[in-house]
């Protein structure tokens, strides 16, 4: 039996999650989807869509979708769904987990790595974060959960862009990019997202595609040059985009790049050590690495304290063997990470 893909949907109150879920549950998209609703959510979907007085917490929708609220643990709910699917009692092809009101999608994502039974049946596809353009700035300023949700995202959907000025949307996008340069951003109309943009994004699989927003890399390089060559022009006149509207968010990202190969033993020790110390503050990290001793790319990624790596494709002929890593976390000491990684190079 092939693995059941899972999408984690997160985002702030009023950002459009319920609208998106209603479409998933009611639209005739021909896909059979099980939606797991976190019951402690502040906006509960059941009473709006599901007029159903049964005690059973799994409800079959008329378009073949299944909706289910978590009364127990997520793990038990997933096992129950998988068991019912095996026995032919429920028919669904994929799962969407809505984490409304859960501050942190991290533990939800970890369930799919840590639990052998779960990882034998399910495949985590991606974490989608919805951001409400009208209220995002305030929410990001005031609520760490909002910043964490951005840090975890594989894909960011920005809703309500029609309600704010164009330059505000641009400044919000810049801010989100500083926090998470690996999640593509897309402005969407309230809940109107093509289903194909929600599913099968493969944000979590260990592939050799490390999407770091190219604009972010350009900004990083410019920053980098700024610091070296012309410190004296830094100041109010600096027209560099990343210096506008500077928010000192605690969720930040940084990229490490090197053309020298890593020593596998040193890198393993170093990553093991930082994950031990900073794991809870490390939201997402991912890399495509040039390792001594193999002609293949090494792909690694992690969430909090859990990381995994895999051999990817062979470096193509003439391709620059550059290691690239992106770290997204809460107040991570960038200089310690960069220095440590440099010491792991051959």
C-alpha atoms as a PDB file:
ATOM      1  CA  UNK A   1       0.000   0.000   0.000  1.00  0.00           C
ATOM      2  CA  UNK A   2       1.452   3.366  -0.916  1.00  0.00           C
ATOM      3  CA  UNK A   3       1.916   5.998   1.763  1.00  0.00           C
ATOM      4  CA  UNK A   4      -0.918   8.411   2.462  1.00  0.00           C
ATOM      5  CA  UNK A   5       0.218  12.022   1.881  1.00  0.00           C
ATOM      6  CA  UNK A   6      -0.430  14.508   4.688  1.00  0.00           C
ATOM      7  CA  UNK A   7      -0.652  18.302   4.534  1.00  0.00           C
ATOM      8  CA  UNK A   8      -0.427  20.378   7.705  1.00  0.00           C
ATOM      9  CA  UNK A   9      -2.424  23.582   7.465  1.00  0.00           C
ATOM     10  CA  UNK A  10      -1.532  26.310   9.887  1.00  0.00           C
ATOM     11  CA  UNK A  11      -2.003  30.037  10.143  1.00  0.00           C
ATOM     12  CA  UNK A  12      -3.537  32.764  12.149  1.00  0.00           C
ATOM     13  CA  UNK A  13      -7.103  33.322  13.116  1.00  0.00           C
ATOM     14  CA  UNK A  14      -9.019  34.832  10.258  1.00  0.00           C
ATOM     15  CA  UNK A  15      -6.320  34.026   7.707  1.00  0.00           C
ATOM     16  CA  UNK A  16      -8.683  31.853   5.681  1.00  0.00           C
ATOM     17  CA  UNK A  17      -7.971  28.329   6.915  1.00  0.00           C
ATOM     18  CA  UNK A  18     -11.630  27.553   7.504  1.00  0.00           C
ATOM     19  CA  UNK A  19     -12.575  28.917   4.089  1.00  0.00           C
ATOM     20  CA  UNK A  20      -9.888  26.797   2.490  1.00  0.00           C
ATOM     21  CA  UNK A  21     -10.992  23.739   4.443  1.00  0.00           C
ATOM     22  CA  UNK A  22     -14.618  24.280   3.552  1.00  0.00           C
ATOM     23  CA  UNK A  23     -13.629  24.243  -0.081  1.00  0.00           C
ATOM     24  CA  UNK A  24     -11.615  21.087   0.434  1.00  0.00           C
ATOM     25  CA  UNK A  25     -14.542  19.443   2.200  1.00  0.00           C
ATOM     26  CA  UNK A  26     -17.364  20.622  -0.015  1.00  0.00           C
ATOM     27  CA  UNK A  27     -15.941  21.114  -3.458  1.00  0.00           C
ATOM     28  CA  UNK A  28     -16.343  18.424  -6.074  1.00  0.00           C
ATOM     29  CA  UNK A  29     -12.623  18.072  -6.705  1.00  0.00           C
ATOM     30  CA  UNK A  30     -12.819  14.317  -7.092  1.00  0.00           C
ATOM     31  CA  UNK A  31     -10.269  13.688  -4.351  1.00  0.00           C
ATOM     32  CA  UNK A  32     -11.089  11.790  -1.206  1.00  0.00           C
ATOM     33  CA  UNK A  33      -9.594  13.724   1.651  1.00  0.00           C
ATOM     34  CA  UNK A  34      -9.668  13.144   5.379  1.00  0.00           C
ATOM     35  CA  UNK A  35      -9.519  16.387   7.343  1.00  0.00           C
ATOM     36  CA  UNK A  36      -8.339  16.159  10.920  1.00  0.00           C
ATOM     37  CA  UNK A  37      -9.528  19.144  12.870  1.00  0.00           C
ATOM     38  CA  UNK A  38      -7.816  20.091  16.024  1.00  0.00           C
ATOM     39  CA  UNK A  39     -10.786  20.339  18.307  1.00  0.00           C
ATOM     40  CA  UNK A  40      -9.414  23.018  20.529  1.00  0.00           C
ATOM     41  CA  UNK A  41      -9.367  25.295  17.535  1.00  0.00           C
ATOM     42  CA  UNK A  42     -10.708  28.748  18.044  1.00  0.00           C
ATOM     43  CA  UNK A  43     -12.710  28.658  14.850  1.00  0.00           C
ATOM     44  CA  UNK A  44     -14.457  25.345  14.802  1.00  0.00           C
ATOM     45  CA  UNK A  45     -15.389  24.037  11.448  1.00  0.00           C
ATOM     46  CA  UNK A  46     -17.840  21.373  12.609  1.00  0.00           C
ATOM     47  CA  UNK A  47     -20.716  23.534  13.661  1.00  0.00           C
ATOM     48  CA  UNK A  48     -20.605  25.481  10.419  1.00  0.00           C
ATOM     49  CA  UNK A  49     -20.462  22.579   8.013  1.00  0.00           C
ATOM     50  CA  UNK A  50     -21.349  19.475   9.875  1.00  0.00           C
ATOM     51  CA  UNK A  51     -24.800  19.259  11.250  1.00  0.00           C
ATOM     52  CA  UNK A  52     -24.327  15.935  12.826  1.00  0.00           C
ATOM     53  CA  UNK A  53     -25.316  14.760  16.271  1.00  0.00           C
ATOM     54  CA  UNK A  54     -23.412  11.533  16.284  1.00  0.00           C
ATOM     55  CA  UNK A  55     -20.894  10.656  18.995  1.00  0.00           C
ATOM     56  CA  UNK A  56     -18.571   9.255  16.381  1.00  0.00           C
ATOM     57  CA  UNK A  57     -15.800  11.755  15.767  1.00  0.00           C
ATOM     58  CA  UNK A  58     -15.376  10.744  12.132  1.00  0.00           C
ATOM     59  CA  UNK A  59     -17.977  12.052   9.738  1.00  0.00           C
ATOM     60  CA  UNK A  60     -18.272  11.079   6.099  1.00  0.00           C
ATOM     61  CA  UNK A  61     -19.052  14.031   3.816  1.00  0.00           C
ATOM     62  CA  UNK A  62     -21.310  13.745   0.805  1.00  0.00           C
ATOM     63  CA  UNK A  63     -18.467  14.396  -1.675  1.00  0.00           C
ATOM     64  CA  UNK A  64     -16.428  11.516  -0.294  1.00  0.00           C
ATOM     65  CA  UNK A  65     -14.377  13.570   2.147  1.00  0.00           C
ATOM     66  CA  UNK A  66     -14.034  12.532   5.735  1.00  0.00           C
ATOM     67  CA  UNK A  67     -13.937  15.012   8.578  1.00  0.00           C
ATOM     68  CA  UNK A  68     -12.715  14.126  11.964  1.00  0.00           C
ATOM     69  CA  UNK A  69     -11.952  15.996  15.176  1.00  0.00           C
ATOM     70  CA  UNK A  70      -9.082  15.052  17.425  1.00  0.00           C
ATOM     71  CA  UNK A  71     -10.439  13.911  20.735  1.00  0.00           C
ATOM     72  CA  UNK A  72      -7.445  11.776  21.595  1.00  0.00           C
ATOM     73  CA  UNK A  73      -3.923  12.134  20.517  1.00  0.00           C
ATOM     74  CA  UNK A  74      -3.060  12.916  16.892  1.00  0.00           C
ATOM     75  CA  UNK A  75      -1.184   9.640  16.683  1.00  0.00           C
ATOM     76  CA  UNK A  76      -4.198   7.617  17.765  1.00  0.00           C
ATOM     77  CA  UNK A  77      -6.433   9.474  15.346  1.00  0.00           C
ATOM     78  CA  UNK A  78      -4.054   8.776  12.461  1.00  0.00           C
ATOM     79  CA  UNK A  79      -3.848   5.110  13.385  1.00  0.00           C
ATOM     80  CA  UNK A  80      -7.622   4.861  13.659  1.00  0.00           C
ATOM     81  CA  UNK A  81      -8.045   6.424  10.207  1.00  0.00           C
ATOM     82  CA  UNK A  82      -5.414   4.136   8.662  1.00  0.00           C
ATOM     83  CA  UNK A  83      -7.007   1.067  10.254  1.00  0.00           C
ATOM     84  CA  UNK A  84     -10.459   2.013   8.967  1.00  0.00           C
ATOM     85  CA  UNK A  85      -8.990   2.589   5.519  1.00  0.00           C
ATOM     86  CA  UNK A  86      -7.316  -0.841   5.534  1.00  0.00           C
ATOM     87  CA  UNK A  87     -10.541  -2.532   6.548  1.00  0.00           C
ATOM     88  CA  UNK A  88     -12.421  -0.748   3.789  1.00  0.00           C
ATOM     89  CA  UNK A  89     -14.594   1.184   6.264  1.00  0.00           C
ATOM     90  CA  UNK A  90     -13.275   4.560   5.109  1.00  0.00           C
ATOM     91  CA  UNK A  91     -12.033   5.594   1.738  1.00  0.00           C
ATOM     92  CA  UNK A  92      -9.609   8.517   1.507  1.00  0.00           C
ATOM     93  CA  UNK A  93      -6.459   9.302  -0.446  1.00  0.00           C
ATOM     94  CA  UNK A  94      -4.851  12.004   1.659  1.00  0.00           C
ATOM     95  CA  UNK A  95      -5.058  13.771   4.996  1.00  0.00           C
ATOM     96  CA  UNK A  96      -5.172  17.462   5.880  1.00  0.00           C
ATOM     97  CA  UNK A  97      -4.449  18.379   9.499  1.00  0.00           C
ATOM     98  CA  UNK A  98      -5.588  21.775  10.623  1.00  0.00           C
ATOM     99  CA  UNK A  99      -3.570  23.040  13.561  1.00  0.00           C
ATOM    100  CA  UNK A 100      -5.714  26.015  14.538  1.00  0.00           C
ATOM    101  CA  UNK A 101      -4.850  27.267  17.938  1.00  0.00           C
ATOM    102  CA  UNK A 102      -1.804  25.049  18.177  1.00  0.00           C
ATOM    103  CA  UNK A 103       1.083  27.391  18.648  1.00  0.00           C
ATOM    104  CA  UNK A 104       3.558  25.217  16.908  1.00  0.00           C
ATOM    105  CA  UNK A 105       3.221  22.833  13.923  1.00  0.00           C
ATOM    106  CA  UNK A 106       6.574  21.311  14.961  1.00  0.00           C
ATOM    107  CA  UNK A 107       5.292  18.505  17.195  1.00  0.00           C
ATOM    108  CA  UNK A 108       2.675  17.639  14.568  1.00  0.00           C
ATOM    109  CA  UNK A 109       5.398  17.372  11.912  1.00  0.00           C
ATOM    110  CA  UNK A 110       7.598  15.348  14.261  1.00  0.00           C
ATOM    111  CA  UNK A 111       4.891  12.722  14.710  1.00  0.00           C
ATOM    112  CA  UNK A 112       5.582  11.636  11.115  1.00  0.00           C
ATOM    113  CA  UNK A 113       9.285  11.112  11.726  1.00  0.00           C
ATOM    114  CA  UNK A 114       9.357   9.707  15.201  1.00  0.00           C
ATOM    115  CA  UNK A 115       6.617   7.208  15.165  1.00  0.00           C
ATOM    116  CA  UNK A 116       7.486   4.137  13.178  1.00  0.00           C
ATOM    117  CA  UNK A 117       3.900   2.970  12.764  1.00  0.00           C
ATOM    118  CA  UNK A 118       2.867   6.384  11.515  1.00  0.00           C
ATOM    119  CA  UNK A 119       5.816   6.771   9.152  1.00  0.00           C
ATOM    120  CA  UNK A 120       5.095   3.348   7.640  1.00  0.00           C
ATOM    121  CA  UNK A 121       1.622   4.533   6.655  1.00  0.00           C
ATOM    122  CA  UNK A 122       1.856   8.268   6.066  1.00  0.00           C
ATOM    123  CA  UNK A 123       4.132  10.660   4.225  1.00  0.00           C
ATOM    124  CA  UNK A 124       4.346  14.274   5.343  1.00  0.00           C
ATOM    125  CA  UNK A 125       3.929  16.333   2.184  1.00  0.00           C
ATOM    126  CA  UNK A 126       4.192  19.913   3.404  1.00  0.00           C
ATOM    127  CA  UNK A 127       3.310  22.562   5.941  1.00  0.00           C
ATOM    128  CA  UNK A 128       1.163  25.351   4.524  1.00  0.00           C
ATOM    129  CA  UNK A 129       0.897  28.613   6.412  1.00  0.00           C
ATOM    130  CA  UNK A 130      -1.831  31.134   5.711  1.00  0.00           C
ATOM    131  CA  UNK A 131      -1.057  34.750   6.502  1.00  0.00           C
ATOM    132  CA  UNK A 132      -3.682  37.471   6.635  1.00  0.00           C
ATOM    133  CA  UNK A 133      -2.232  40.560   4.922  1.00  0.00           C
ATOM    134  CA  UNK A 134      -4.490  42.945   6.785  1.00  0.00           C
ATOM    135  CA  UNK A 135      -3.514  41.879  10.293  1.00  0.00           C
ATOM    136  CA  UNK A 136      -0.192  40.136   9.742  1.00  0.00           C
ATOM    137  CA  UNK A 137       2.133  42.933  10.797  1.00  0.00           C
ATOM    138  CA  UNK A 138       0.478  43.269  14.208  1.00  0.00           C
ATOM    139  CA  UNK A 139       0.173  39.516  14.669  1.00  0.00           C
ATOM    140  CA  UNK A 140       3.815  38.968  13.753  1.00  0.00           C
ATOM    141  CA  UNK A 141       4.880  41.776  16.109  1.00  0.00           C
ATOM    142  CA  UNK A 142       2.845  40.514  19.036  1.00  0.00           C
ATOM    143  CA  UNK A 143       2.563  36.759  18.739  1.00  0.00           C
ATOM    144  CA  UNK A 144       5.439  34.360  18.640  1.00  0.00           C
ATOM    145  CA  UNK A 145       3.145  31.580  17.398  1.00  0.00           C
ATOM    146  CA  UNK A 146       2.533  33.602  14.232  1.00  0.00           C
ATOM    147  CA  UNK A 147       6.261  33.972  13.662  1.00  0.00           C
ATOM    148  CA  UNK A 148       6.866  30.292  14.300  1.00  0.00           C
ATOM    149  CA  UNK A 149       4.155  29.307  11.837  1.00  0.00           C
ATOM    150  CA  UNK A 150       5.967  31.351   9.187  1.00  0.00           C
ATOM    151  CA  UNK A 151       9.280  29.724  10.092  1.00  0.00           C
ATOM    152  CA  UNK A 152       7.837  26.237   9.622  1.00  0.00           C
ATOM    153  CA  UNK A 153       6.169  26.858   6.288  1.00  0.00           C
ATOM    154  CA  UNK A 154       6.995  25.046   3.052  1.00  0.00           C
ATOM    155  CA  UNK A 155       4.517  27.306   1.263  1.00  0.00           C
ATOM    156  CA  UNK A 156       3.004  30.608   2.383  1.00  0.00           C
ATOM    157  CA  UNK A 157      -0.385  31.790   1.156  1.00  0.00           C
ATOM    158  CA  UNK A 158      -1.142  35.459   1.801  1.00  0.00           C
ATOM    159  CA  UNK A 159      -4.839  36.248   1.956  1.00  0.00           C
ATOM    160  CA  UNK A 160      -6.715  39.572   1.967  1.00  0.00           C
ATOM    161  CA  UNK A 161      -4.084  41.357  -0.121  1.00  0.00           C
ATOM    162  CA  UNK A 162      -6.932  43.271  -1.773  1.00  0.00           C
ATOM    163  CA  UNK A 163      -7.616  45.004   1.547  1.00  0.00           C
ATOM    164  CA  UNK A 164      -4.192  46.601   1.903  1.00  0.00           C
ATOM    165  CA  UNK A 165      -1.987  48.877  -0.188  1.00  0.00           C
ATOM    166  CA  UNK A 166       0.450  47.321  -2.615  1.00  0.00           C
ATOM    167  CA  UNK A 167       3.548  48.603  -0.807  1.00  0.00           C
ATOM    168  CA  UNK A 168       2.282  47.101   2.462  1.00  0.00           C
ATOM    169  CA  UNK A 169       1.950  43.716   0.779  1.00  0.00           C
ATOM    170  CA  UNK A 170       5.467  44.072  -0.594  1.00  0.00           C
ATOM    171  CA  UNK A 171       6.893  45.009   2.776  1.00  0.00           C
ATOM    172  CA  UNK A 172       5.066  42.057   4.393  1.00  0.00           C
ATOM    173  CA  UNK A 173       6.492  39.715   1.755  1.00  0.00           C
ATOM    174  CA  UNK A 174       9.998  41.053   2.406  1.00  0.00           C
ATOM    175  CA  UNK A 175       9.537  40.491   6.104  1.00  0.00           C
ATOM    176  CA  UNK A 176       8.283  36.927   5.600  1.00  0.00           C
ATOM    177  CA  UNK A 177      11.210  36.263   3.286  1.00  0.00           C
ATOM    178  CA  UNK A 178      13.712  37.344   5.952  1.00  0.00           C
ATOM    179  CA  UNK A 179      12.043  34.905   8.316  1.00  0.00           C
ATOM    180  CA  UNK A 180      11.737  32.049   5.854  1.00  0.00           C
ATOM    181  CA  UNK A 181      13.515  32.306   2.495  1.00  0.00           C
ATOM    182  CA  UNK A 182      12.722  28.725   1.496  1.00  0.00           C
ATOM    183  CA  UNK A 183       8.937  28.996   1.389  1.00  0.00           C
ATOM    184  CA  UNK A 184       7.472  30.316  -1.860  1.00  0.00           C
ATOM    185  CA  UNK A 185       4.877  33.028  -1.202  1.00  0.00           C
ATOM    186  CA  UNK A 186       1.649  33.425  -3.078  1.00  0.00           C
ATOM    187  CA  UNK A 187      -1.095  36.021  -2.711  1.00  0.00           C
ATOM    188  CA  UNK A 188      -4.463  34.263  -2.800  1.00  0.00           C
ATOM    189  CA  UNK A 189      -8.043  35.416  -2.724  1.00  0.00           C
ATOM    190  CA  UNK A 190      -9.826  34.356   0.393  1.00  0.00           C
ATOM    191  CA  UNK A 191      -9.867  30.583   0.215  1.00  0.00           C
ATOM    192  CA  UNK A 192      -9.639  30.488  -3.565  1.00  0.00           C
ATOM    193  CA  UNK A 193      -6.553  28.414  -4.103  1.00  0.00           C
ATOM    194  CA  UNK A 194      -6.358  25.748  -6.751  1.00  0.00           C
ATOM    195  CA  UNK A 195      -6.280  22.358  -5.045  1.00  0.00           C
ATOM    196  CA  UNK A 196      -3.184  21.548  -7.124  1.00  0.00           C
ATOM    197  CA  UNK A 197      -1.338  24.337  -5.280  1.00  0.00           C
ATOM    198  CA  UNK A 198      -2.197  22.851  -1.912  1.00  0.00           C
ATOM    199  CA  UNK A 199      -1.311  19.193  -2.403  1.00  0.00           C
ATOM    200  CA  UNK A 200       1.717  17.213  -3.532  1.00  0.00           C
ATOM    201  CA  UNK A 201       4.123  20.073  -2.936  1.00  0.00           C
ATOM    202  CA  UNK A 202       6.764  17.665  -1.619  1.00  0.00           C
ATOM    203  CA  UNK A 203       8.032  20.271   0.794  1.00  0.00           C
ATOM    204  CA  UNK A 204       9.318  17.590   3.100  1.00  0.00           C
ATOM    205  CA  UNK A 205      10.829  14.998   0.880  1.00  0.00           C
ATOM    206  CA  UNK A 206      14.568  14.814   0.772  1.00  0.00           C
ATOM    207  CA  UNK A 207      15.061  15.997  -2.764  1.00  0.00           C
ATOM    208  CA  UNK A 208      17.977  17.905  -4.147  1.00  0.00           C
ATOM    209  CA  UNK A 209      15.921  21.005  -4.742  1.00  0.00           C
ATOM    210  CA  UNK A 210      16.728  23.480  -2.020  1.00  0.00           C
ATOM    211  CA  UNK A 211      14.515  26.401  -2.853  1.00  0.00           C
ATOM    212  CA  UNK A 212      15.907  29.468  -1.221  1.00  0.00           C
ATOM    213  CA  UNK A 213      14.226  32.574  -2.508  1.00  0.00           C
ATOM    214  CA  UNK A 214      16.725  34.017  -5.026  1.00  0.00           C
ATOM    215  CA  UNK A 215      15.847  37.556  -3.911  1.00  0.00           C
ATOM    216  CA  UNK A 216      16.874  36.593  -0.400  1.00  0.00           C
ATOM    217  CA  UNK A 217      20.207  35.260  -1.618  1.00  0.00           C
ATOM    218  CA  UNK A 218      20.830  38.465  -3.538  1.00  0.00           C
ATOM    219  CA  UNK A 219      20.005  40.490  -0.437  1.00  0.00           C
ATOM    220  CA  UNK A 220      22.313  38.302   1.646  1.00  0.00           C
ATOM    221  CA  UNK A 221      25.142  38.801  -0.809  1.00  0.00           C
ATOM    222  CA  UNK A 222      24.590  42.545  -0.906  1.00  0.00           C
ATOM    223  CA  UNK A 223      24.525  42.629   2.893  1.00  0.00           C
ATOM    224  CA  UNK A 224      27.666  40.604   2.929  1.00  0.00           C
ATOM    225  CA  UNK A 225      29.462  43.002   0.577  1.00  0.00           C
ATOM    226  CA  UNK A 226      28.143  46.019   2.470  1.00  0.00           C
ATOM    227  CA  UNK A 227      29.761  44.822   5.649  1.00  0.00           C
ATOM    228  CA  UNK A 228      33.122  44.378   4.003  1.00  0.00           C
ATOM    229  CA  UNK A 229      33.712  47.104   1.537  1.00  0.00           C
ATOM    230  CA  UNK A 230      31.957  50.268   2.401  1.00  0.00           C
ATOM    231  CA  UNK A 231      30.991  50.478   6.013  1.00  0.00           C
ATOM    232  CA  UNK A 232      31.096  54.246   5.812  1.00  0.00           C
ATOM    233  CA  UNK A 233      28.076  54.507   3.496  1.00  0.00           C
ATOM    234  CA  UNK A 234      25.885  52.426   5.764  1.00  0.00           C
ATOM    235  CA  UNK A 235      23.344  54.689   7.346  1.00  0.00           C
ATOM    236  CA  UNK A 236      20.031  56.308   6.578  1.00  0.00           C
ATOM    237  CA  UNK A 237      20.864  56.586   2.902  1.00  0.00           C
ATOM    238  CA  UNK A 238      21.283  52.895   2.373  1.00  0.00           C
ATOM    239  CA  UNK A 239      18.801  51.952  -0.339  1.00  0.00           C
ATOM    240  CA  UNK A 240      19.162  48.251   0.180  1.00  0.00           C
ATOM    241  CA  UNK A 241      15.742  46.515   0.171  1.00  0.00           C
ATOM    242  CA  UNK A 242      16.357  44.381   3.214  1.00  0.00           C
ATOM    243  CA  UNK A 243      17.030  47.467   5.316  1.00  0.00           C
ATOM    244  CA  UNK A 244      13.597  48.953   4.766  1.00  0.00           C
ATOM    245  CA  UNK A 245      10.956  48.503   7.457  1.00  0.00           C
ATOM    246  CA  UNK A 246      13.330  46.623   9.651  1.00  0.00           C
ATOM    247  CA  UNK A 247      11.512  44.352  12.064  1.00  0.00           C
ATOM    248  CA  UNK A 248      13.624  42.651  14.588  1.00  0.00           C
ATOM    249  CA  UNK A 249      11.773  39.356  14.516  1.00  0.00           C
ATOM    250  CA  UNK A 250      13.067  36.576  16.712  1.00  0.00           C
ATOM    251  CA  UNK A 251      12.329  34.076  13.929  1.00  0.00           C
ATOM    252  CA  UNK A 252      15.060  34.572  11.370  1.00  0.00           C
ATOM    253  CA  UNK A 253      16.866  32.617   8.755  1.00  0.00           C
ATOM    254  CA  UNK A 254      20.375  32.508   7.444  1.00  0.00           C
ATOM    255  CA  UNK A 255      22.097  30.652   4.666  1.00  0.00           C
ATOM    256  CA  UNK A 256      25.490  28.966   4.747  1.00  0.00           C
ATOM    257  CA  UNK A 257      27.349  28.320   1.492  1.00  0.00           C
ATOM    258  CA  UNK A 258      30.729  26.878   0.712  1.00  0.00           C
ATOM    259  CA  UNK A 259      32.554  25.412  -2.271  1.00  0.00           C
ATOM    260  CA  UNK A 260      34.770  23.275  -0.039  1.00  0.00           C
ATOM    261  CA  UNK A 261      33.634  19.748   0.847  1.00  0.00           C
ATOM    262  CA  UNK A 262      32.501  18.863   4.357  1.00  0.00           C
ATOM    263  CA  UNK A 263      34.150  16.238   6.507  1.00  0.00           C
ATOM    264  CA  UNK A 264      31.252  13.848   7.247  1.00  0.00           C
ATOM    265  CA  UNK A 265      32.464  12.991  10.761  1.00  0.00           C
ATOM    266  CA  UNK A 266      33.042  16.614  11.794  1.00  0.00           C
ATOM    267  CA  UNK A 267      29.736  17.785  10.354  1.00  0.00           C
ATOM    268  CA  UNK A 268      27.827  15.019  12.078  1.00  0.00           C
ATOM    269  CA  UNK A 269      29.406  15.906  15.411  1.00  0.00           C
ATOM    270  CA  UNK A 270      28.749  19.599  14.980  1.00  0.00           C
ATOM    271  CA  UNK A 271      25.129  19.242  13.871  1.00  0.00           C
ATOM    272  CA  UNK A 272      24.535  16.742  16.660  1.00  0.00           C
ATOM    273  CA  UNK A 273      25.869  19.263  19.170  1.00  0.00           C
ATOM    274  CA  UNK A 274      23.872  22.283  17.935  1.00  0.00           C
ATOM    275  CA  UNK A 275      20.682  20.272  17.673  1.00  0.00           C
ATOM    276  CA  UNK A 276      21.250  19.144  21.228  1.00  0.00           C
ATOM    277  CA  UNK A 277      21.551  22.711  22.478  1.00  0.00           C
ATOM    278  CA  UNK A 278      19.316  24.693  20.125  1.00  0.00           C
ATOM    279  CA  UNK A 279      16.939  21.983  18.859  1.00  0.00           C
ATOM    280  CA  UNK A 280      13.757  23.431  20.380  1.00  0.00           C
ATOM    281  CA  UNK A 281      14.550  26.804  18.764  1.00  0.00           C
ATOM    282  CA  UNK A 282      15.490  25.323  15.382  1.00  0.00           C
ATOM    283  CA  UNK A 283      12.274  25.323  13.397  1.00  0.00           C
ATOM    284  CA  UNK A 284      13.356  24.078   9.985  1.00  0.00           C
ATOM    285  CA  UNK A 285      16.731  23.480   8.435  1.00  0.00           C
ATOM    286  CA  UNK A 286      17.638  21.936   5.145  1.00  0.00           C
ATOM    287  CA  UNK A 287      20.693  21.553   2.986  1.00  0.00           C
ATOM    288  CA  UNK A 288      22.243  20.132  -0.150  1.00  0.00           C
ATOM    289  CA  UNK A 289      25.814  19.234   0.766  1.00  0.00           C
ATOM    290  CA  UNK A 290      29.088  18.454  -0.898  1.00  0.00           C
ATOM    291  CA  UNK A 291      30.584  15.702   1.263  1.00  0.00           C
ATOM    292  CA  UNK A 292      34.054  14.231   1.085  1.00  0.00           C
ATOM    293  CA  UNK A 293      34.037  10.622  -0.026  1.00  0.00           C
ATOM    294  CA  UNK A 294      30.941  10.620  -2.255  1.00  0.00           C
ATOM    295  CA  UNK A 295      30.255  11.935  -5.743  1.00  0.00           C
ATOM    296  CA  UNK A 296      26.597  12.328  -4.842  1.00  0.00           C
ATOM    297  CA  UNK A 297      24.817  15.250  -3.244  1.00  0.00           C
ATOM    298  CA  UNK A 298      23.882  14.684   0.363  1.00  0.00           C
ATOM    299  CA  UNK A 299      20.456  16.033   1.227  1.00  0.00           C
ATOM    300  CA  UNK A 300      19.618  16.717   4.825  1.00  0.00           C
ATOM    301  CA  UNK A 301      16.776  18.373   6.675  1.00  0.00           C
ATOM    302  CA  UNK A 302      15.275  18.626  10.104  1.00  0.00           C
ATOM    303  CA  UNK A 303      12.564  19.921  12.375  1.00  0.00           C
ATOM    304  CA  UNK A 304      13.566  20.800  15.940  1.00  0.00           C
ATOM    305  CA  UNK A 305      15.749  17.976  17.273  1.00  0.00           C
ATOM    306  CA  UNK A 306      15.015  15.517  14.496  1.00  0.00           C
ATOM    307  CA  UNK A 307      17.090  15.392  11.371  1.00  0.00           C
ATOM    308  CA  UNK A 308      17.527  12.979   8.525  1.00  0.00           C
ATOM    309  CA  UNK A 309      19.830  12.770   5.538  1.00  0.00           C
ATOM    310  CA  UNK A 310      19.939  10.880   2.289  1.00  0.00           C
ATOM    311  CA  UNK A 311      22.150  10.461  -0.742  1.00  0.00           C
ATOM    312  CA  UNK A 312      20.799  12.484  -3.624  1.00  0.00           C
ATOM    313  CA  UNK A 313      21.745  12.476  -7.308  1.00  0.00           C
ATOM    314  CA  UNK A 314      25.326  12.530  -8.585  1.00  0.00           C
ATOM    315  CA  UNK A 315      26.784  16.022  -9.072  1.00  0.00           C
ATOM    316  CA  UNK A 316      26.375  16.791 -12.742  1.00  0.00           C
ATOM    317  CA  UNK A 317      29.416  17.226 -14.933  1.00  0.00           C
ATOM    318  CA  UNK A 318      30.638  20.805 -14.735  1.00  0.00           C
ATOM    319  CA  UNK A 319      28.250  21.601 -11.863  1.00  0.00           C
ATOM    320  CA  UNK A 320      29.757  23.657  -9.046  1.00  0.00           C
ATOM    321  CA  UNK A 321      29.890  21.443  -5.972  1.00  0.00           C
ATOM    322  CA  UNK A 322      28.511  24.046  -3.600  1.00  0.00           C
ATOM    323  CA  UNK A 323      27.042  23.170  -0.236  1.00  0.00           C
ATOM    324  CA  UNK A 324      23.997  25.256   0.647  1.00  0.00           C
ATOM    325  CA  UNK A 325      22.174  25.150   3.952  1.00  0.00           C
ATOM    326  CA  UNK A 326      19.351  27.229   5.298  1.00  0.00           C
ATOM    327  CA  UNK A 327      18.531  27.468   9.010  1.00  0.00           C
ATOM    328  CA  UNK A 328      15.290  28.952  10.275  1.00  0.00           C
ATOM    329  CA  UNK A 329      14.880  29.404  13.996  1.00  0.00           C
ATOM    330  CA  UNK A 330      14.266  31.551  17.030  1.00  0.00           C
ATOM    331  CA  UNK A 331      17.221  33.710  18.034  1.00  0.00           C
ATOM    332  CA  UNK A 332      19.780  31.266  16.676  1.00  0.00           C
ATOM    333  CA  UNK A 333      23.376  32.471  17.100  1.00  0.00           C
ATOM    334  CA  UNK A 334      24.239  32.795  13.414  1.00  0.00           C
ATOM    335  CA  UNK A 335      27.957  33.408  14.031  1.00  0.00           C
ATOM    336  CA  UNK A 336      28.349  30.244  16.147  1.00  0.00           C
ATOM    337  CA  UNK A 337      26.640  28.181  13.429  1.00  0.00           C
ATOM    338  CA  UNK A 338      28.654  29.718  10.584  1.00  0.00           C
ATOM    339  CA  UNK A 339      31.993  29.374  12.418  1.00  0.00           C
ATOM    340  CA  UNK A 340      31.176  25.824  13.462  1.00  0.00           C
ATOM    341  CA  UNK A 341      30.209  24.832   9.918  1.00  0.00           C
ATOM    342  CA  UNK A 342      33.377  26.398   8.528  1.00  0.00           C
ATOM    343  CA  UNK A 343      35.405  24.245  10.914  1.00  0.00           C
ATOM    344  CA  UNK A 344      33.756  21.137   9.481  1.00  0.00           C
ATOM    345  CA  UNK A 345      35.078  21.851   5.978  1.00  0.00           C
ATOM    346  CA  UNK A 346      38.044  19.940   4.625  1.00  0.00           C
END
